[in-house]
């Protein structure tokens, strides 16, 4: 990393987490812009999944269990 990038990085670490996350979003968007239709589709899908969870239509799986299952599949 350049000296300027290191300096900026050090200053960013002093920001509150919300501001760092906002900055991260903007930086990622500058590298790989996403279309609004893709973002809208993900929002719609996440809202659909959350509604199904709240209605008891799907069962939540603990993150540790999901990671264990993924690790098992990758070992095959």
PDB file of N, CA and C in Angstrom:
ATOM      1  N   UNK A   1       0.852  -1.167   0.000  1.00  0.00           N
ATOM      2  CA  UNK A   1       0.000   0.000   0.000  1.00  0.00           C
ATOM      3  C   UNK A   1       0.907   1.242   0.000  1.00  0.00           C
ATOM      4  N   UNK A   2       0.473   2.251  -0.698  1.00  0.00           N
ATOM      5  CA  UNK A   2       1.247   3.489  -0.730  1.00  0.00           C
ATOM      6  C   UNK A   2       1.149   4.214   0.604  1.00  0.00           C
ATOM      7  N   UNK A   3       2.039   5.177   0.803  1.00  0.00           N
ATOM      8  CA  UNK A   3       2.021   5.959   2.043  1.00  0.00           C
ATOM      9  C   UNK A   3       0.690   6.702   2.188  1.00  0.00           C
ATOM     10  N   UNK A   4       0.176   7.220   1.061  1.00  0.00           N
ATOM     11  CA  UNK A   4      -1.109   7.927   1.111  1.00  0.00           C
ATOM     12  C   UNK A   4      -2.224   6.979   1.531  1.00  0.00           C
ATOM     13  N   UNK A   5      -2.238   5.776   0.949  1.00  0.00           N
ATOM     14  CA  UNK A   5      -3.273   4.801   1.293  1.00  0.00           C
ATOM     15  C   UNK A   5      -3.168   4.411   2.768  1.00  0.00           C
ATOM     16  N   UNK A   6      -1.962   4.223   3.265  1.00  0.00           N
ATOM     17  CA  UNK A   6      -1.767   3.893   4.682  1.00  0.00           C
ATOM     18  C   UNK A   6      -2.273   5.020   5.578  1.00  0.00           C
ATOM     19  N   UNK A   7      -2.007   6.264   5.180  1.00  0.00           N
ATOM     20  CA  UNK A   7      -2.457   7.425   5.951  1.00  0.00           C
ATOM     21  C   UNK A   7      -3.986   7.471   5.998  1.00  0.00           C
ATOM     22  N   UNK A   8      -4.599   7.276   4.825  1.00  0.00           N
ATOM     23  CA  UNK A   8      -6.068   7.286   4.752  1.00  0.00           C
ATOM     24  C   UNK A   8      -6.641   6.152   5.592  1.00  0.00           C
ATOM     25  N   UNK A   9      -6.041   4.981   5.493  1.00  0.00           N
ATOM     26  CA  UNK A   9      -6.497   3.830   6.264  1.00  0.00           C
ATOM     27  C   UNK A   9      -6.467   4.141   7.769  1.00  0.00           C
ATOM     28  N   UNK A  10      -5.381   4.725   8.221  1.00  0.00           N
ATOM     29  CA  UNK A  10      -5.274   5.085   9.630  1.00  0.00           C
ATOM     30  C   UNK A  10      -6.346   6.064  10.062  1.00  0.00           C
ATOM     31  N   UNK A  11      -6.656   7.023   9.200  1.00  0.00           N
ATOM     32  CA  UNK A  11      -7.693   8.006   9.528  1.00  0.00           C
ATOM     33  C   UNK A  11      -9.077   7.372   9.519  1.00  0.00           C
ATOM     34  N   UNK A  12      -9.300   6.447   8.590  1.00  0.00           N
ATOM     35  CA  UNK A  12     -10.602   5.787   8.496  1.00  0.00           C
ATOM     36  C   UNK A  12     -10.880   4.971   9.762  1.00  0.00           C
ATOM     37  N   UNK A  13      -9.862   4.365  10.333  1.00  0.00           N
ATOM     38  CA  UNK A  13     -10.055   3.569  11.540  1.00  0.00           C
ATOM     39  C   UNK A  13     -10.550   4.403  12.715  1.00  0.00           C
ATOM     40  N   UNK A  14     -10.348   5.717  12.659  1.00  0.00           N
ATOM     41  CA  UNK A  14     -10.834   6.597  13.722  1.00  0.00           C
ATOM     42  C   UNK A  14     -12.316   6.935  13.573  1.00  0.00           C
ATOM     43  N   UNK A  15     -12.906   6.607  12.438  1.00  0.00           N
ATOM     44  CA  UNK A  15     -14.318   6.909  12.201  1.00  0.00           C
ATOM     45  C   UNK A  15     -15.206   5.925  12.950  1.00  0.00           C
ATOM     46  N   UNK A  16     -16.430   6.355  13.291  1.00  0.00           N
ATOM     47  CA  UNK A  16     -17.396   5.416  13.875  1.00  0.00           C
ATOM     48  C   UNK A  16     -17.707   4.307  12.866  1.00  0.00           C
ATOM     49  N   UNK A  17     -18.099   3.161  13.367  1.00  0.00           N
ATOM     50  CA  UNK A  17     -18.349   1.994  12.513  1.00  0.00           C
ATOM     51  C   UNK A  17     -19.356   2.285  11.403  1.00  0.00           C
ATOM     52  N   UNK A  18     -20.403   3.059  11.698  1.00  0.00           N
ATOM     53  CA  UNK A  18     -21.411   3.352  10.682  1.00  0.00           C
ATOM     54  C   UNK A  18     -20.799   4.111   9.500  1.00  0.00           C
ATOM     55  N   UNK A  19     -19.909   5.049   9.815  1.00  0.00           N
ATOM     56  CA  UNK A  19     -19.267   5.816   8.748  1.00  0.00           C
ATOM     57  C   UNK A  19     -18.287   4.946   7.970  1.00  0.00           C
ATOM     58  N   UNK A  20     -17.583   4.046   8.669  1.00  0.00           N
ATOM     59  CA  UNK A  20     -16.668   3.137   7.962  1.00  0.00           C
ATOM     60  C   UNK A  20     -17.435   2.219   7.022  1.00  0.00           C
ATOM     61  N   UNK A  21     -18.595   1.722   7.483  1.00  0.00           N
ATOM     62  CA  UNK A  21     -19.400   0.851   6.626  1.00  0.00           C
ATOM     63  C   UNK A  21     -19.920   1.608   5.409  1.00  0.00           C
ATOM     64  N   UNK A  22     -20.346   2.846   5.611  1.00  0.00           N
ATOM     65  CA  UNK A  22     -20.806   3.663   4.487  1.00  0.00           C
ATOM     66  C   UNK A  22     -19.690   3.911   3.490  1.00  0.00           C
ATOM     67  N   UNK A  23     -18.508   4.187   4.001  1.00  0.00           N
ATOM     68  CA  UNK A  23     -17.351   4.398   3.137  1.00  0.00           C
ATOM     69  C   UNK A  23     -17.007   3.121   2.385  1.00  0.00           C
ATOM     70  N   UNK A  24     -17.068   2.010   3.072  1.00  0.00           N
ATOM     71  CA  UNK A  24     -16.800   0.719   2.437  1.00  0.00           C
ATOM     72  C   UNK A  24     -17.769   0.459   1.292  1.00  0.00           C
ATOM     73  N   UNK A  25     -19.049   0.718   1.520  1.00  0.00           N
ATOM     74  CA  UNK A  25     -20.048   0.557   0.461  1.00  0.00           C
ATOM     75  C   UNK A  25     -19.703   1.403  -0.753  1.00  0.00           C
ATOM     76  N   UNK A  26     -19.330   2.646  -0.507  1.00  0.00           N
ATOM     77  CA  UNK A  26     -18.997   3.546  -1.618  1.00  0.00           C
ATOM     78  C   UNK A  26     -17.746   3.091  -2.356  1.00  0.00           C
ATOM     79  N   UNK A  27     -16.751   2.618  -1.621  1.00  0.00           N
ATOM     80  CA  UNK A  27     -15.529   2.131  -2.260  1.00  0.00           C
ATOM     81  C   UNK A  27     -15.811   0.893  -3.109  1.00  0.00           C
ATOM     82  N   UNK A  28     -16.587  -0.036  -2.561  1.00  0.00           N
ATOM     83  CA  UNK A  28     -16.926  -1.231  -3.330  1.00  0.00           C
ATOM     84  C   UNK A  28     -17.721  -0.880  -4.579  1.00  0.00           C
ATOM     85  N   UNK A  29     -18.631   0.056  -4.459  1.00  0.00           N
ATOM     86  CA  UNK A  29     -19.424   0.492  -5.611  1.00  0.00           C
ATOM     87  C   UNK A  29     -18.528   1.116  -6.676  1.00  0.00           C
ATOM     88  N   UNK A  30     -17.465   1.802  -6.258  1.00  0.00           N
ATOM     89  CA  UNK A  30     -16.561   2.428  -7.230  1.00  0.00           C
ATOM     90  C   UNK A  30     -15.742   1.397  -7.988  1.00  0.00           C
ATOM     91  N   UNK A  31     -15.540   0.232  -7.394  1.00  0.00           N
ATOM     92  CA  UNK A  31     -14.756  -0.825  -8.025  1.00  0.00           C
ATOM     93  C   UNK A  31     -15.640  -1.730  -8.874  1.00  0.00           C
ATOM     94  N   UNK A  32     -16.822  -2.020  -8.366  1.00  0.00           N
ATOM     95  CA  UNK A  32     -17.721  -2.947  -9.051  1.00  0.00           C
ATOM     96  C   UNK A  32     -19.154  -2.434  -8.941  1.00  0.00           C
ATOM     97  N   UNK A  33     -19.499  -1.487  -9.809  1.00  0.00           N
ATOM     98  CA  UNK A  33     -20.854  -0.918  -9.724  1.00  0.00           C
ATOM     99  C   UNK A  33     -21.929  -1.986  -9.929  1.00  0.00           C
ATOM    100  N   UNK A  34     -22.964  -1.929  -9.128  1.00  0.00           N
ATOM    101  CA  UNK A  34     -24.084  -2.840  -9.297  1.00  0.00           C
ATOM    102  C   UNK A  34     -25.276  -2.055  -9.813  1.00  0.00           C
ATOM    103  N   UNK A  35     -26.100  -2.749 -10.533  1.00  0.00           N
ATOM    104  CA  UNK A  35     -27.262  -2.065 -11.083  1.00  0.00           C
ATOM    105  C   UNK A  35     -28.362  -1.963 -10.028  1.00  0.00           C
ATOM    106  N   UNK A  36     -29.179  -0.958 -10.149  1.00  0.00           N
ATOM    107  CA  UNK A  36     -30.275  -0.755  -9.195  1.00  0.00           C
ATOM    108  C   UNK A  36     -31.251  -1.923  -9.243  1.00  0.00           C
ATOM    109  N   UNK A  37     -31.436  -2.523 -10.416  1.00  0.00           N
ATOM    110  CA  UNK A  37     -32.377  -3.642 -10.508  1.00  0.00           C
ATOM    111  C   UNK A  37     -31.887  -4.847  -9.711  1.00  0.00           C
ATOM    112  N   UNK A  38     -30.573  -5.063  -9.680  1.00  0.00           N
ATOM    113  CA  UNK A  38     -30.019  -6.162  -8.886  1.00  0.00           C
ATOM    114  C   UNK A  38     -30.209  -5.872  -7.404  1.00  0.00           C
ATOM    115  N   UNK A  39     -29.922  -4.645  -6.987  1.00  0.00           N
ATOM    116  CA  UNK A  39     -30.121  -4.278  -5.582  1.00  0.00           C
ATOM    117  C   UNK A  39     -31.581  -4.424  -5.182  1.00  0.00           C
ATOM    118  N   UNK A  40     -32.488  -3.971  -6.045  1.00  0.00           N
ATOM    119  CA  UNK A  40     -33.921  -4.081  -5.759  1.00  0.00           C
ATOM    120  C   UNK A  40     -34.343  -5.542  -5.639  1.00  0.00           C
ATOM    121  N   UNK A  41     -33.804  -6.400  -6.503  1.00  0.00           N
ATOM    122  CA  UNK A  41     -34.143  -7.822  -6.458  1.00  0.00           C
ATOM    123  C   UNK A  41     -33.669  -8.452  -5.151  1.00  0.00           C
ATOM    124  N   UNK A  42     -32.465  -8.098  -4.686  1.00  0.00           N
ATOM    125  CA  UNK A  42     -31.958  -8.636  -3.423  1.00  0.00           C
ATOM    126  C   UNK A  42     -32.789  -8.141  -2.246  1.00  0.00           C
ATOM    127  N   UNK A  43     -33.198  -6.893  -2.281  1.00  0.00           N
ATOM    128  CA  UNK A  43     -34.046  -6.360  -1.208  1.00  0.00           C
ATOM    129  C   UNK A  43     -35.373  -7.109  -1.171  1.00  0.00           C
ATOM    130  N   UNK A  44     -35.968  -7.295  -2.333  1.00  0.00           N
ATOM    131  CA  UNK A  44     -37.246  -8.013  -2.422  1.00  0.00           C
ATOM    132  C   UNK A  44     -37.095  -9.446  -1.908  1.00  0.00           C
ATOM    133  N   UNK A  45     -36.019 -10.111  -2.306  1.00  0.00           N
ATOM    134  CA  UNK A  45     -35.790 -11.490  -1.875  1.00  0.00           C
ATOM    135  C   UNK A  45     -35.560 -11.574  -0.369  1.00  0.00           C
ATOM    136  N   UNK A  46     -34.789 -10.661   0.177  1.00  0.00           N
ATOM    137  CA  UNK A  46     -34.530 -10.698   1.623  1.00  0.00           C
ATOM    138  C   UNK A  46     -35.810 -10.416   2.408  1.00  0.00           C
ATOM    139  N   UNK A  47     -36.632  -9.511   1.919  1.00  0.00           N
ATOM    140  CA  UNK A  47     -37.907  -9.241   2.589  1.00  0.00           C
ATOM    141  C   UNK A  47     -38.833 -10.451   2.512  1.00  0.00           C
ATOM    142  N   UNK A  48     -38.828 -11.149   1.369  1.00  0.00           N
ATOM    143  CA  UNK A  48     -39.655 -12.353   1.210  1.00  0.00           C
ATOM    144  C   UNK A  48     -39.194 -13.432   2.189  1.00  0.00           C
ATOM    145  N   UNK A  49     -37.880 -13.624   2.291  1.00  0.00           N
ATOM    146  CA  UNK A  49     -37.348 -14.651   3.191  1.00  0.00           C
ATOM    147  C   UNK A  49     -37.625 -14.310   4.654  1.00  0.00           C
ATOM    148  N   UNK A  50     -37.494 -13.043   5.011  1.00  0.00           N
ATOM    149  CA  UNK A  50     -37.761 -12.642   6.391  1.00  0.00           C
ATOM    150  C   UNK A  50     -39.237 -12.842   6.735  1.00  0.00           C
ATOM    151  N   UNK A  51     -40.121 -12.503   5.816  1.00  0.00           N
ATOM    152  CA  UNK A  51     -41.559 -12.696   6.048  1.00  0.00           C
ATOM    153  C   UNK A  51     -41.874 -14.180   6.229  1.00  0.00           C
ATOM    154  N   UNK A  52     -41.247 -15.036   5.427  1.00  0.00           N
ATOM    155  CA  UNK A  52     -41.464 -16.478   5.553  1.00  0.00           C
ATOM    156  C   UNK A  52     -40.964 -16.975   6.902  1.00  0.00           C
ATOM    157  N   UNK A  53     -39.829 -16.463   7.347  1.00  0.00           N
ATOM    158  CA  UNK A  53     -39.300 -16.830   8.663  1.00  0.00           C
ATOM    159  C   UNK A  53     -40.256 -16.393   9.766  1.00  0.00           C
ATOM    160  N   UNK A  54     -40.708 -15.141   9.718  1.00  0.00           N
ATOM    161  CA  UNK A  54     -41.604 -14.613  10.747  1.00  0.00           C
ATOM    162  C   UNK A  54     -42.928 -15.369  10.774  1.00  0.00           C
ATOM    163  N   UNK A  55     -43.378 -15.852   9.612  1.00  0.00           N
ATOM    164  CA  UNK A  55     -44.643 -16.581   9.528  1.00  0.00           C
ATOM    165  C   UNK A  55     -44.490 -18.047   9.924  1.00  0.00           C
ATOM    166  N   UNK A  56     -43.261 -18.456  10.226  1.00  0.00           N
ATOM    167  CA  UNK A  56     -43.026 -19.840  10.624  1.00  0.00           C
ATOM    168  C   UNK A  56     -42.979 -20.811   9.461  1.00  0.00           C
ATOM    169  N   UNK A  57     -42.838 -20.295   8.249  1.00  0.00           N
ATOM    170  CA  UNK A  57     -42.809 -21.143   7.056  1.00  0.00           C
ATOM    171  C   UNK A  57     -41.445 -21.786   6.820  1.00  0.00           C
ATOM    172  N   UNK A  58     -40.417 -21.208   7.393  1.00  0.00           N
ATOM    173  CA  UNK A  58     -39.072 -21.768   7.283  1.00  0.00           C
ATOM    174  C   UNK A  58     -38.429 -21.773   8.658  1.00  0.00           C
ATOM    175  N   UNK A  59     -37.489 -22.686   8.849  1.00  0.00           N
ATOM    176  CA  UNK A  59     -36.801 -22.797  10.129  1.00  0.00           C
ATOM    177  C   UNK A  59     -35.408 -22.191   9.994  1.00  0.00           C
ATOM    178  N   UNK A  60     -35.024 -21.416  10.967  1.00  0.00           N
ATOM    179  CA  UNK A  60     -33.690 -20.830  10.964  1.00  0.00           C
ATOM    180  C   UNK A  60     -32.665 -21.891  11.360  1.00  0.00           C
ATOM    181  N   UNK A  61     -31.498 -21.809  10.738  1.00  0.00           N
ATOM    182  CA  UNK A  61     -30.401 -22.719  11.057  1.00  0.00           C
ATOM    183  C   UNK A  61     -29.276 -21.874  11.635  1.00  0.00           C
ATOM    184  N   UNK A  62     -28.756 -22.259  12.792  1.00  0.00           N
ATOM    185  CA  UNK A  62     -27.653 -21.492  13.379  1.00  0.00           C
ATOM    186  C   UNK A  62     -26.472 -21.394  12.411  1.00  0.00           C
ATOM    187  N   UNK A  63     -25.809 -20.256  12.414  1.00  0.00           N
ATOM    188  CA  UNK A  63     -24.683 -20.030  11.514  1.00  0.00           C
ATOM    189  C   UNK A  63     -23.604 -21.082  11.640  1.00  0.00           C
ATOM    190  N   UNK A  64     -23.335 -21.530  12.867  1.00  0.00           N
ATOM    191  CA  UNK A  64     -22.309 -22.552  13.076  1.00  0.00           C
ATOM    192  C   UNK A  64     -22.651 -23.830  12.322  1.00  0.00           C
ATOM    193  N   UNK A  65     -23.929 -24.189  12.315  1.00  0.00           N
ATOM    194  CA  UNK A  65     -24.374 -25.396  11.611  1.00  0.00           C
ATOM    195  C   UNK A  65     -24.220 -25.232  10.104  1.00  0.00           C
ATOM    196  N   UNK A  66     -24.576 -24.074   9.594  1.00  0.00           N
ATOM    197  CA  UNK A  66     -24.426 -23.811   8.162  1.00  0.00           C
ATOM    198  C   UNK A  66     -22.960 -23.927   7.761  1.00  0.00           C
ATOM    199  N   UNK A  67     -22.069 -23.309   8.531  1.00  0.00           N
ATOM    200  CA  UNK A  67     -20.644 -23.371   8.219  1.00  0.00           C
ATOM    201  C   UNK A  67     -20.115 -24.800   8.297  1.00  0.00           C
ATOM    202  N   UNK A  68     -20.600 -25.597   9.250  1.00  0.00           N
ATOM    203  CA  UNK A  68     -20.196 -26.989   9.357  1.00  0.00           C
ATOM    204  C   UNK A  68     -20.608 -27.767   8.118  1.00  0.00           C
ATOM    205  N   UNK A  69     -21.858 -27.549   7.661  1.00  0.00           N
ATOM    206  CA  UNK A  69     -22.349 -28.235   6.472  1.00  0.00           C
ATOM    207  C   UNK A  69     -21.552 -27.837   5.227  1.00  0.00           C
ATOM    208  N   UNK A  70     -21.234 -26.568   5.106  1.00  0.00           N
ATOM    209  CA  UNK A  70     -20.435 -26.104   3.968  1.00  0.00           C
ATOM    210  C   UNK A  70     -19.053 -26.745   3.995  1.00  0.00           C
ATOM    211  N   UNK A  71     -18.427 -26.784   5.162  1.00  0.00           N
ATOM    212  CA  UNK A  71     -17.111 -27.403   5.300  1.00  0.00           C
ATOM    213  C   UNK A  71     -17.157 -28.875   4.904  1.00  0.00           C
ATOM    214  N   UNK A  72     -18.205 -29.580   5.322  1.00  0.00           N
ATOM    215  CA  UNK A  72     -18.348 -30.984   4.952  1.00  0.00           C
ATOM    216  C   UNK A  72     -18.455 -31.151   3.439  1.00  0.00           C
ATOM    217  N   UNK A  73     -19.244 -30.296   2.799  1.00  0.00           N
ATOM    218  CA  UNK A  73     -19.412 -30.399   1.340  1.00  0.00           C
ATOM    219  C   UNK A  73     -18.105 -30.109   0.611  1.00  0.00           C
ATOM    220  N   UNK A  74     -17.333 -29.174   1.132  1.00  0.00           N
ATOM    221  CA  UNK A  74     -16.076 -28.827   0.478  1.00  0.00           C
ATOM    222  C   UNK A  74     -15.029 -29.923   0.632  1.00  0.00           C
ATOM    223  N   UNK A  75     -15.155 -30.755   1.644  1.00  0.00           N
ATOM    224  CA  UNK A  75     -14.197 -31.844   1.867  1.00  0.00           C
ATOM    225  C   UNK A  75     -14.458 -33.032   0.967  1.00  0.00           C
ATOM    226  N   UNK A  76     -15.588 -33.103   0.338  1.00  0.00           N
ATOM    227  CA  UNK A  76     -15.939 -34.247  -0.530  1.00  0.00           C
ATOM    228  C   UNK A  76     -15.155 -34.225  -1.791  1.00  0.00           C
TER     229      UNK A  76
END
